[in-house]
Amino acid sequence: MYQLQVENMSCGHCVGSVTKAVQAIDPAAQVQIDLASKRVTVESTSELGAISAAIVDAGFPVSSAQ
């Protein structure tokens, strides 16, 4: 499970975009997003770097990931 701090998320559309970006890397990924804290939790077998890069490519800066 990965925890990412993702900036610039403010609405349901942002949630959908981030979820779609992660699931493009791993269609089976479970994605939970807390807009208030800008925290994205991902359960995936894919590499953290690939998931983070997909979120950045979707237009949402990742300020931390673990």
PDB file of N, CA and C in Angstrom:
ATOM      1  N   MET A   1       0.843  -1.177   0.000  1.00  0.00           N
ATOM      2  CA  MET A   1       0.000   0.000   0.000  1.00  0.00           C
ATOM      3  C   MET A   1       0.891   1.243   0.000  1.00  0.00           C
ATOM      4  N   TYR A   2       0.510   2.197  -0.808  1.00  0.00           N
ATOM      5  CA  TYR A   2       1.263   3.441  -0.931  1.00  0.00           C
ATOM      6  C   TYR A   2       0.419   4.608  -0.449  1.00  0.00           C
ATOM      7  N   GLN A   3       1.083   5.604   0.135  1.00  0.00           N
ATOM      8  CA  GLN A   3       0.455   6.855   0.531  1.00  0.00           C
ATOM      9  C   GLN A   3       1.143   7.970  -0.251  1.00  0.00           C
ATOM     10  N   LEU A   4       0.353   8.773  -0.947  1.00  0.00           N
ATOM     11  CA  LEU A   4       0.904   9.879  -1.722  1.00  0.00           C
ATOM     12  C   LEU A   4       0.203  11.167  -1.328  1.00  0.00           C
ATOM     13  N   GLN A   5       0.969  12.235  -1.236  1.00  0.00           N
ATOM     14  CA  GLN A   5       0.416  13.566  -1.011  1.00  0.00           C
ATOM     15  C   GLN A   5       0.331  14.213  -2.389  1.00  0.00           C
ATOM     16  N   VAL A   6      -0.894  14.483  -2.837  1.00  0.00           N
ATOM     17  CA  VAL A   6      -1.106  14.954  -4.201  1.00  0.00           C
ATOM     18  C   VAL A   6      -1.759  16.335  -4.158  1.00  0.00           C
ATOM     19  N   GLU A   7      -1.076  17.309  -4.733  1.00  0.00           N
ATOM     20  CA  GLU A   7      -1.570  18.687  -4.715  1.00  0.00           C
ATOM     21  C   GLU A   7      -2.551  18.940  -5.857  1.00  0.00           C
ATOM     22  N   ASN A   8      -3.259  20.052  -5.762  1.00  0.00           N
ATOM     23  CA  ASN A   8      -4.166  20.561  -6.807  1.00  0.00           C
ATOM     24  C   ASN A   8      -5.428  19.740  -6.993  1.00  0.00           C
ATOM     25  N   MET A   9      -5.768  18.860  -6.053  1.00  0.00           N
ATOM     26  CA  MET A   9      -7.045  18.144  -6.138  1.00  0.00           C
ATOM     27  C   MET A   9      -8.084  18.946  -5.355  1.00  0.00           C
ATOM     28  N   SER A  10      -9.230  19.214  -5.992  1.00  0.00           N
ATOM     29  CA  SER A  10     -10.228  20.023  -5.292  1.00  0.00           C
ATOM     30  C   SER A  10     -11.669  19.575  -5.511  1.00  0.00           C
ATOM     31  N   CYS A  11     -11.892  18.580  -6.365  1.00  0.00           N
ATOM     32  CA  CYS A  11     -13.269  18.219  -6.683  1.00  0.00           C
ATOM     33  C   CYS A  11     -13.371  16.758  -7.130  1.00  0.00           C
ATOM     34  N   GLY A  12     -14.595  16.348  -7.388  1.00  0.00           N
ATOM     35  CA  GLY A  12     -14.842  14.984  -7.842  1.00  0.00           C
ATOM     36  C   GLY A  12     -14.178  14.672  -9.168  1.00  0.00           C
ATOM     37  N   HIS A  13     -14.077  15.673 -10.040  1.00  0.00           N
ATOM     38  CA  HIS A  13     -13.402  15.461 -11.320  1.00  0.00           C
ATOM     39  C   HIS A  13     -11.924  15.126 -11.093  1.00  0.00           C
ATOM     40  N   CYS A  14     -11.302  15.814 -10.148  1.00  0.00           N
ATOM     41  CA  CYS A  14      -9.901  15.540  -9.813  1.00  0.00           C
ATOM     42  C   CYS A  14      -9.747  14.106  -9.300  1.00  0.00           C
ATOM     43  N   VAL A  15     -10.666  13.693  -8.438  1.00  0.00           N
ATOM     44  CA  VAL A  15     -10.645  12.330  -7.906  1.00  0.00           C
ATOM     45  C   VAL A  15     -10.715  11.318  -9.053  1.00  0.00           C
ATOM     46  N   GLY A  16     -11.617  11.561 -10.000  1.00  0.00           N
ATOM     47  CA  GLY A  16     -11.759  10.674 -11.145  1.00  0.00           C
ATOM     48  C   GLY A  16     -10.508  10.632 -12.002  1.00  0.00           C
ATOM     49  N   SER A  17      -9.899  11.791 -12.209  1.00  0.00           N
ATOM     50  CA  SER A  17      -8.691  11.860 -13.038  1.00  0.00           C
ATOM     51  C   SER A  17      -7.527  11.116 -12.404  1.00  0.00           C
ATOM     52  N   VAL A  18      -7.347  11.293 -11.097  1.00  0.00           N
ATOM     53  CA  VAL A  18      -6.257  10.612 -10.399  1.00  0.00           C
ATOM     54  C   VAL A  18      -6.512   9.108 -10.374  1.00  0.00           C
ATOM     55  N   THR A  19      -7.736   8.715 -10.097  1.00  0.00           N
ATOM     56  CA  THR A  19      -8.086   7.286 -10.075  1.00  0.00           C
ATOM     57  C   THR A  19      -7.842   6.663 -11.444  1.00  0.00           C
ATOM     58  N   LYS A  20      -8.276   7.329 -12.492  1.00  0.00           N
ATOM     59  CA  LYS A  20      -8.093   6.825 -13.856  1.00  0.00           C
ATOM     60  C   LYS A  20      -6.609   6.699 -14.197  1.00  0.00           C
ATOM     61  N   ALA A  21      -5.808   7.666 -13.779  1.00  0.00           N
ATOM     62  CA  ALA A  21      -4.367   7.627 -14.050  1.00  0.00           C
ATOM     63  C   ALA A  21      -3.715   6.421 -13.374  1.00  0.00           C
ATOM     64  N   VAL A  22      -4.080   6.182 -12.115  1.00  0.00           N
ATOM     65  CA  VAL A  22      -3.514   5.034 -11.392  1.00  0.00           C
ATOM     66  C   VAL A  22      -3.970   3.728 -12.034  1.00  0.00           C
ATOM     67  N   GLN A  23      -5.253   3.637 -12.366  1.00  0.00           N
ATOM     68  CA  GLN A  23      -5.771   2.388 -12.918  1.00  0.00           C
ATOM     69  C   GLN A  23      -5.327   2.156 -14.355  1.00  0.00           C
ATOM     70  N   ALA A  24      -4.779   3.166 -15.015  1.00  0.00           N
ATOM     71  CA  ALA A  24      -4.171   2.953 -16.330  1.00  0.00           C
ATOM     72  C   ALA A  24      -2.872   2.159 -16.177  1.00  0.00           C
ATOM     73  N   ILE A  25      -2.210   2.315 -15.042  1.00  0.00           N
ATOM     74  CA  ILE A  25      -0.981   1.574 -14.742  1.00  0.00           C
ATOM     75  C   ILE A  25      -1.331   0.177 -14.226  1.00  0.00           C
ATOM     76  N   ASP A  26      -2.318   0.113 -13.322  1.00  0.00           N
ATOM     77  CA  ASP A  26      -2.743  -1.156 -12.726  1.00  0.00           C
ATOM     78  C   ASP A  26      -4.269  -1.159 -12.637  1.00  0.00           C
ATOM     79  N   PRO A  27      -4.942  -1.801 -13.593  1.00  0.00           N
ATOM     80  CA  PRO A  27      -6.413  -1.807 -13.598  1.00  0.00           C
ATOM     81  C   PRO A  27      -7.042  -2.380 -12.326  1.00  0.00           C
ATOM     82  N   ALA A  28      -6.307  -3.200 -11.602  1.00  0.00           N
ATOM     83  CA  ALA A  28      -6.837  -3.807 -10.380  1.00  0.00           C
ATOM     84  C   ALA A  28      -6.544  -2.974  -9.134  1.00  0.00           C
ATOM     85  N   ALA A  29      -5.881  -1.846  -9.285  1.00  0.00           N
ATOM     86  CA  ALA A  29      -5.510  -1.014  -8.140  1.00  0.00           C
ATOM     87  C   ALA A  29      -6.741  -0.502  -7.405  1.00  0.00           C
ATOM     88  N   GLN A  30      -6.650  -0.488  -6.095  1.00  0.00           N
ATOM     89  CA  GLN A  30      -7.678   0.108  -5.246  1.00  0.00           C
ATOM     90  C   GLN A  30      -7.190   1.505  -4.860  1.00  0.00           C
ATOM     91  N   VAL A  31      -8.002   2.522  -5.168  1.00  0.00           N
ATOM     92  CA  VAL A  31      -7.594   3.908  -4.944  1.00  0.00           C
ATOM     93  C   VAL A  31      -8.587   4.569  -4.000  1.00  0.00           C
ATOM     94  N   GLN A  32      -8.070   5.165  -2.923  1.00  0.00           N
ATOM     95  CA  GLN A  32      -8.900   5.930  -1.998  1.00  0.00           C
ATOM     96  C   GLN A  32      -8.312   7.328  -1.911  1.00  0.00           C
ATOM     97  N   ILE A  33      -9.171   8.338  -2.025  1.00  0.00           N
ATOM     98  CA  ILE A  33      -8.704   9.718  -2.041  1.00  0.00           C
ATOM     99  C   ILE A  33      -9.450  10.528  -0.996  1.00  0.00           C
ATOM    100  N   ASP A  34      -8.686  11.244  -0.173  1.00  0.00           N
ATOM    101  CA  ASP A  34      -9.245  12.171   0.805  1.00  0.00           C
ATOM    102  C   ASP A  34      -8.920  13.579   0.315  1.00  0.00           C
ATOM    103  N   LEU A  35      -9.921  14.266  -0.248  1.00  0.00           N
ATOM    104  CA  LEU A  35      -9.680  15.599  -0.799  1.00  0.00           C
ATOM    105  C   LEU A  35      -9.233  16.594   0.264  1.00  0.00           C
ATOM    106  N   ALA A  36      -9.793  16.503   1.470  1.00  0.00           N
ATOM    107  CA  ALA A  36      -9.468  17.467   2.522  1.00  0.00           C
ATOM    108  C   ALA A  36      -7.978  17.460   2.862  1.00  0.00           C
ATOM    109  N   SER A  37      -7.392  16.268   2.940  1.00  0.00           N
ATOM    110  CA  SER A  37      -5.970  16.169   3.288  1.00  0.00           C
ATOM    111  C   SER A  37      -5.080  16.023   2.056  1.00  0.00           C
ATOM    112  N   LYS A  38      -5.707  15.891   0.878  1.00  0.00           N
ATOM    113  CA  LYS A  38      -4.994  15.696  -0.393  1.00  0.00           C
ATOM    114  C   LYS A  38      -4.139  14.426  -0.364  1.00  0.00           C
ATOM    115  N   ARG A  39      -4.646  13.411   0.336  1.00  0.00           N
ATOM    116  CA  ARG A  39      -3.931  12.141   0.473  1.00  0.00           C
ATOM    117  C   ARG A  39      -4.571  11.082  -0.414  1.00  0.00           C
ATOM    118  N   VAL A  40      -3.713  10.384  -1.154  1.00  0.00           N
ATOM    119  CA  VAL A  40      -4.158   9.296  -2.020  1.00  0.00           C
ATOM    120  C   VAL A  40      -3.550   8.004  -1.485  1.00  0.00           C
ATOM    121  N   THR A  41      -4.389   7.027  -1.239  1.00  0.00           N
ATOM    122  CA  THR A  41      -3.938   5.716  -0.785  1.00  0.00           C
ATOM    123  C   THR A  41      -4.183   4.734  -1.923  1.00  0.00           C
ATOM    124  N   VAL A  42      -3.141   4.002  -2.291  1.00  0.00           N
ATOM    125  CA  VAL A  42      -3.235   3.076  -3.420  1.00  0.00           C
ATOM    126  C   VAL A  42      -2.772   1.694  -2.971  1.00  0.00           C
ATOM    127  N   GLU A  43      -3.609   0.704  -3.229  1.00  0.00           N
ATOM    128  CA  GLU A  43      -3.207  -0.694  -3.052  1.00  0.00           C
ATOM    129  C   GLU A  43      -2.968  -1.239  -4.443  1.00  0.00           C
ATOM    130  N   SER A  44      -1.706  -1.579  -4.725  1.00  0.00           N
ATOM    131  CA  SER A  44      -1.332  -2.007  -6.064  1.00  0.00           C
ATOM    132  C   SER A  44      -0.065  -2.837  -6.004  1.00  0.00           C
ATOM    133  N   THR A  45       0.107  -3.690  -7.006  1.00  0.00           N
ATOM    134  CA  THR A  45       1.350  -4.447  -7.132  1.00  0.00           C
ATOM    135  C   THR A  45       2.347  -3.720  -8.031  1.00  0.00           C
ATOM    136  N   SER A  46       1.928  -2.607  -8.619  1.00  0.00           N
ATOM    137  CA  SER A  46       2.836  -1.824  -9.480  1.00  0.00           C
ATOM    138  C   SER A  46       3.822  -1.036  -8.631  1.00  0.00           C
ATOM    139  N   GLU A  47       4.889  -0.583  -9.267  1.00  0.00           N
ATOM    140  CA  GLU A  47       5.918   0.202  -8.588  1.00  0.00           C
ATOM    141  C   GLU A  47       5.389   1.584  -8.219  1.00  0.00           C
ATOM    142  N   LEU A  48       5.806   2.076  -7.057  1.00  0.00           N
ATOM    143  CA  LEU A  48       5.407   3.404  -6.601  1.00  0.00           C
ATOM    144  C   LEU A  48       5.802   4.473  -7.612  1.00  0.00           C
ATOM    145  N   GLY A  49       6.986   4.365  -8.194  1.00  0.00           N
ATOM    146  CA  GLY A  49       7.452   5.353  -9.164  1.00  0.00           C
ATOM    147  C   GLY A  49       6.537   5.461 -10.373  1.00  0.00           C
ATOM    148  N   ALA A  50       6.039   4.342 -10.859  1.00  0.00           N
ATOM    149  CA  ALA A  50       5.140   4.338 -12.018  1.00  0.00           C
ATOM    150  C   ALA A  50       3.803   4.978 -11.662  1.00  0.00           C
ATOM    151  N   ILE A  51       3.307   4.683 -10.478  1.00  0.00           N
ATOM    152  CA  ILE A  51       2.033   5.263 -10.038  1.00  0.00           C
ATOM    153  C   ILE A  51       2.181   6.767  -9.858  1.00  0.00           C
ATOM    154  N   SER A  52       3.244   7.177  -9.201  1.00  0.00           N
ATOM    155  CA  SER A  52       3.499   8.605  -8.988  1.00  0.00           C
ATOM    156  C   SER A  52       3.641   9.339 -10.318  1.00  0.00           C
ATOM    157  N   ALA A  53       4.372   8.767 -11.257  1.00  0.00           N
ATOM    158  CA  ALA A  53       4.566   9.389 -12.570  1.00  0.00           C
ATOM    159  C   ALA A  53       3.246   9.521 -13.315  1.00  0.00           C
ATOM    160  N   ALA A  54       2.375   8.529 -13.208  1.00  0.00           N
ATOM    161  CA  ALA A  54       1.080   8.593 -13.881  1.00  0.00           C
ATOM    162  C   ALA A  54       0.223   9.723 -13.320  1.00  0.00           C
ATOM    163  N   ILE A  55       0.285   9.924 -12.007  1.00  0.00           N
ATOM    164  CA  ILE A  55      -0.482  11.006 -11.380  1.00  0.00           C
ATOM    165  C   ILE A  55       0.066  12.361 -11.812  1.00  0.00           C
ATOM    166  N   VAL A  56       1.388  12.492 -11.839  1.00  0.00           N
ATOM    167  CA  VAL A  56       2.014  13.739 -12.298  1.00  0.00           C
ATOM    168  C   VAL A  56       1.656  14.004 -13.758  1.00  0.00           C
ATOM    169  N   ASP A  57       1.709  12.976 -14.585  1.00  0.00           N
ATOM    170  CA  ASP A  57       1.364  13.124 -16.004  1.00  0.00           C
ATOM    171  C   ASP A  57      -0.091  13.562 -16.197  1.00  0.00           C
ATOM    172  N   ALA A  58      -0.950  13.217 -15.240  1.00  0.00           N
ATOM    173  CA  ALA A  58      -2.355  13.618 -15.308  1.00  0.00           C
ATOM    174  C   ALA A  58      -2.547  15.067 -14.861  1.00  0.00           C
ATOM    175  N   GLY A  59      -1.468  15.701 -14.399  1.00  0.00           N
ATOM    176  CA  GLY A  59      -1.531  17.122 -14.045  1.00  0.00           C
ATOM    177  C   GLY A  59      -1.611  17.422 -12.566  1.00  0.00           C
ATOM    178  N   PHE A  60      -1.300  16.419 -11.743  1.00  0.00           N
ATOM    179  CA  PHE A  60      -1.397  16.609 -10.300  1.00  0.00           C
ATOM    180  C   PHE A  60      -0.033  16.349  -9.649  1.00  0.00           C
ATOM    181  N   PRO A  61       0.630  17.399  -9.158  1.00  0.00           N
ATOM    182  CA  PRO A  61       1.950  17.244  -8.544  1.00  0.00           C
ATOM    183  C   PRO A  61       1.897  16.357  -7.299  1.00  0.00           C
ATOM    184  N   VAL A  62       2.849  15.458  -7.203  1.00  0.00           N
ATOM    185  CA  VAL A  62       2.980  14.589  -6.032  1.00  0.00           C
ATOM    186  C   VAL A  62       4.078  15.194  -5.171  1.00  0.00           C
ATOM    187  N   SER A  63       3.706  15.647  -3.957  1.00  0.00           N
ATOM    188  CA  SER A  63       4.698  16.289  -3.102  1.00  0.00           C
ATOM    189  C   SER A  63       5.425  15.302  -2.203  1.00  0.00           C
ATOM    190  N   SER A  64       4.815  14.151  -1.936  1.00  0.00           N
ATOM    191  CA  SER A  64       5.508  13.095  -1.192  1.00  0.00           C
ATOM    192  C   SER A  64       4.845  11.769  -1.492  1.00  0.00           C
ATOM    193  N   ALA A  65       5.631  10.718  -1.384  1.00  0.00           N
ATOM    194  CA  ALA A  65       5.122   9.367  -1.635  1.00  0.00           C
ATOM    195  C   ALA A  65       5.904   8.369  -0.818  1.00  0.00           C
ATOM    196  N   GLN A  66       5.168   7.416  -0.249  1.00  0.00           N
ATOM    197  CA  GLN A  66       5.834   6.356   0.493  1.00  0.00           C
ATOM    198  C   GLN A  66       5.044   5.078   0.408  1.00  0.00           C
TER     199      GLN A  66
END
